[in-house]
Amino acid sequence: QVQLVESGGGLVQAGGSLRLSCAVSGSSAIINDMGWYRQAPGKQRELVASITRGGNTNYADAVKGRFTISRDNAENTLYLQMASLKPEDTAVYYCNALTRWNFSYWGQGTQVTVSS
């Protein structure tokens, strides 16, 4: 079992920055890839960024150059540094962990609201 708890969301003005954190507990050793997803009202959940256990990263085109994903395997924490935020970044952001058996765990989500 793996538990994921996100934090760091909030209200920020356009152009501002936020850092999301995802604390991992439980059987963290079985986790391979991790990622951040987001879901805006009325839209499907979409991948924002992902990172492998070895540190290889992948970003959605909409956030490239503005967001940075990182993970601290020793501290069992996933991060998403978000800069130059836009109103269209407003969404609930979810942490995801994919195990070596391709089982997916999700956090409860954290709200990010960017005002114009």
Protein backbone atom coordinates (compact mmCIF):
# COMPACT_ATOMS: atom_id res chain seq x y z
CA GLN A 1 0.00 0.00 0.00
CA VAL A 2 1.06 3.54 -0.82
CA GLN A 3 -0.42 6.75 0.53
CA LEU A 4 0.01 10.12 -1.18
CA VAL A 5 -0.76 13.46 0.44
CA GLU A 6 -0.50 16.67 -1.57
CA SER A 7 0.05 20.14 -0.11
CA GLY A 8 1.01 23.59 -1.26
CA GLY A 9 -1.98 24.63 -3.32
CA GLY A 10 -3.67 27.97 -2.95
CA LEU A 11 -4.67 31.22 -4.57
CA VAL A 12 -2.06 33.17 -6.50
CA GLN A 13 -2.08 36.03 -8.97
CA ALA A 14 -1.16 35.50 -12.59
CA GLY A 15 2.60 35.54 -12.98
CA GLY A 16 3.14 34.19 -9.49
CA SER A 17 4.65 30.95 -8.26
CA LEU A 18 3.67 28.00 -6.11
CA ARG A 19 5.37 24.80 -5.05
CA LEU A 20 3.33 21.65 -4.62
CA SER A 21 4.55 18.77 -2.50
CA CYS A 22 3.42 15.16 -2.37
CA ALA A 23 4.42 13.15 0.67
CA VAL A 24 4.68 9.43 0.06
CA SER A 25 4.19 6.89 2.83
CA GLY A 26 3.80 3.15 2.94
CA SER A 27 5.58 0.86 0.51
CA SER A 28 7.47 3.60 -1.35
CA ALA A 29 10.15 1.16 -2.55
CA ILE A 30 7.71 -0.34 -5.04
CA ILE A 31 7.16 3.00 -6.82
CA ASN A 32 8.74 3.61 -10.22
CA ASP A 33 7.33 6.63 -12.05
CA MET A 34 5.58 9.52 -10.36
CA GLY A 35 3.67 12.40 -11.81
CA TRP A 36 1.42 15.39 -11.36
CA TYR A 37 -1.95 15.55 -13.07
CA ARG A 38 -4.56 18.27 -13.04
CA GLN A 39 -8.27 18.52 -13.63
CA ALA A 40 -10.07 21.76 -14.34
CA PRO A 41 -13.86 22.06 -13.97
CA GLY A 42 -15.63 20.37 -16.85
CA LYS A 43 -12.40 18.95 -18.28
CA GLN A 44 -10.68 15.60 -18.20
CA ARG A 45 -7.74 14.92 -15.93
CA GLU A 46 -4.49 15.56 -17.81
CA LEU A 47 -0.83 14.84 -17.25
CA VAL A 48 1.20 17.88 -16.23
CA ALA A 49 4.60 16.32 -15.63
CA SER A 50 6.16 12.98 -14.82
CA ILE A 51 9.48 11.74 -13.49
CA THR A 52 11.06 8.32 -13.41
CA ARG A 53 12.81 6.85 -10.40
CA GLY A 54 16.08 7.73 -12.11
CA GLY A 55 15.06 11.35 -12.62
CA ASN A 56 14.05 11.48 -16.28
CA THR A 57 11.29 14.04 -16.75
CA ASN A 58 8.46 14.70 -19.16
CA TYR A 59 6.23 17.78 -19.39
CA ALA A 60 2.99 18.72 -21.06
CA ASP A 61 3.55 21.34 -23.75
CA ALA A 62 1.37 23.81 -21.84
CA VAL A 63 3.76 23.92 -18.88
CA LYS A 64 7.17 23.44 -20.47
CA GLY A 65 9.59 26.09 -19.35
CA ARG A 66 7.35 27.16 -16.46
CA PHE A 67 6.97 24.06 -14.27
CA THR A 68 9.66 21.82 -12.83
CA ILE A 69 9.05 18.37 -11.39
CA SER A 70 11.47 16.79 -8.97
CA ARG A 71 11.55 13.99 -6.46
CA ASP A 72 13.54 13.26 -3.35
CA ASN A 73 13.65 9.49 -3.07
CA ALA A 74 15.36 9.62 0.30
CA GLU A 75 12.65 11.88 1.73
CA ASN A 76 9.85 10.15 -0.22
CA THR A 77 8.57 13.43 -1.56
CA LEU A 78 7.53 14.62 -5.01
CA TYR A 79 7.55 18.31 -5.91
CA LEU A 80 6.13 20.54 -8.60
CA GLN A 81 7.60 24.02 -8.80
CA MET A 82 5.23 26.22 -10.77
CA ALA A 83 6.25 29.64 -12.07
CA SER A 84 4.70 32.24 -14.38
CA LEU A 85 1.29 30.88 -13.48
CA LYS A 86 -1.64 31.62 -15.77
CA PRO A 87 -5.37 31.58 -15.10
CA GLU A 88 -5.62 28.51 -17.32
CA ASP A 89 -3.43 26.63 -14.81
CA THR A 90 -6.35 26.75 -12.37
CA ALA A 91 -7.27 23.18 -11.48
CA VAL A 92 -7.12 20.51 -8.83
CA TYR A 93 -3.64 19.03 -8.95
CA TYR A 94 -3.18 15.34 -8.17
CA CYS A 95 -0.08 13.37 -7.29
CA ASN A 96 0.26 9.96 -8.91
CA ALA A 97 2.54 7.02 -8.21
CA LEU A 98 2.97 4.04 -10.53
CA THR A 99 4.31 0.85 -9.02
CA ARG A 100 6.58 -1.71 -10.64
CA TRP A 101 3.44 -3.74 -11.39
CA ASN A 102 1.79 -0.76 -13.13
CA PHE A 103 -0.67 -0.19 -10.31
CA SER A 104 -1.58 3.47 -9.89
CA TYR A 105 -2.07 5.36 -6.63
CA TRP A 106 -3.58 8.84 -6.35
CA GLY A 107 -3.57 11.57 -3.77
CA GLN A 108 -6.66 13.48 -2.76
CA GLY A 109 -5.73 16.56 -4.77
CA THR A 110 -4.88 20.15 -3.96
CA GLN A 111 -6.60 23.19 -5.45
CA VAL A 112 -4.58 25.74 -7.38
CA THR A 113 -6.38 28.93 -8.35
CA VAL A 114 -4.70 31.59 -10.47
CA SER A 115 -6.44 34.95 -10.62
CA SER A 116 -6.07 37.32 -13.55
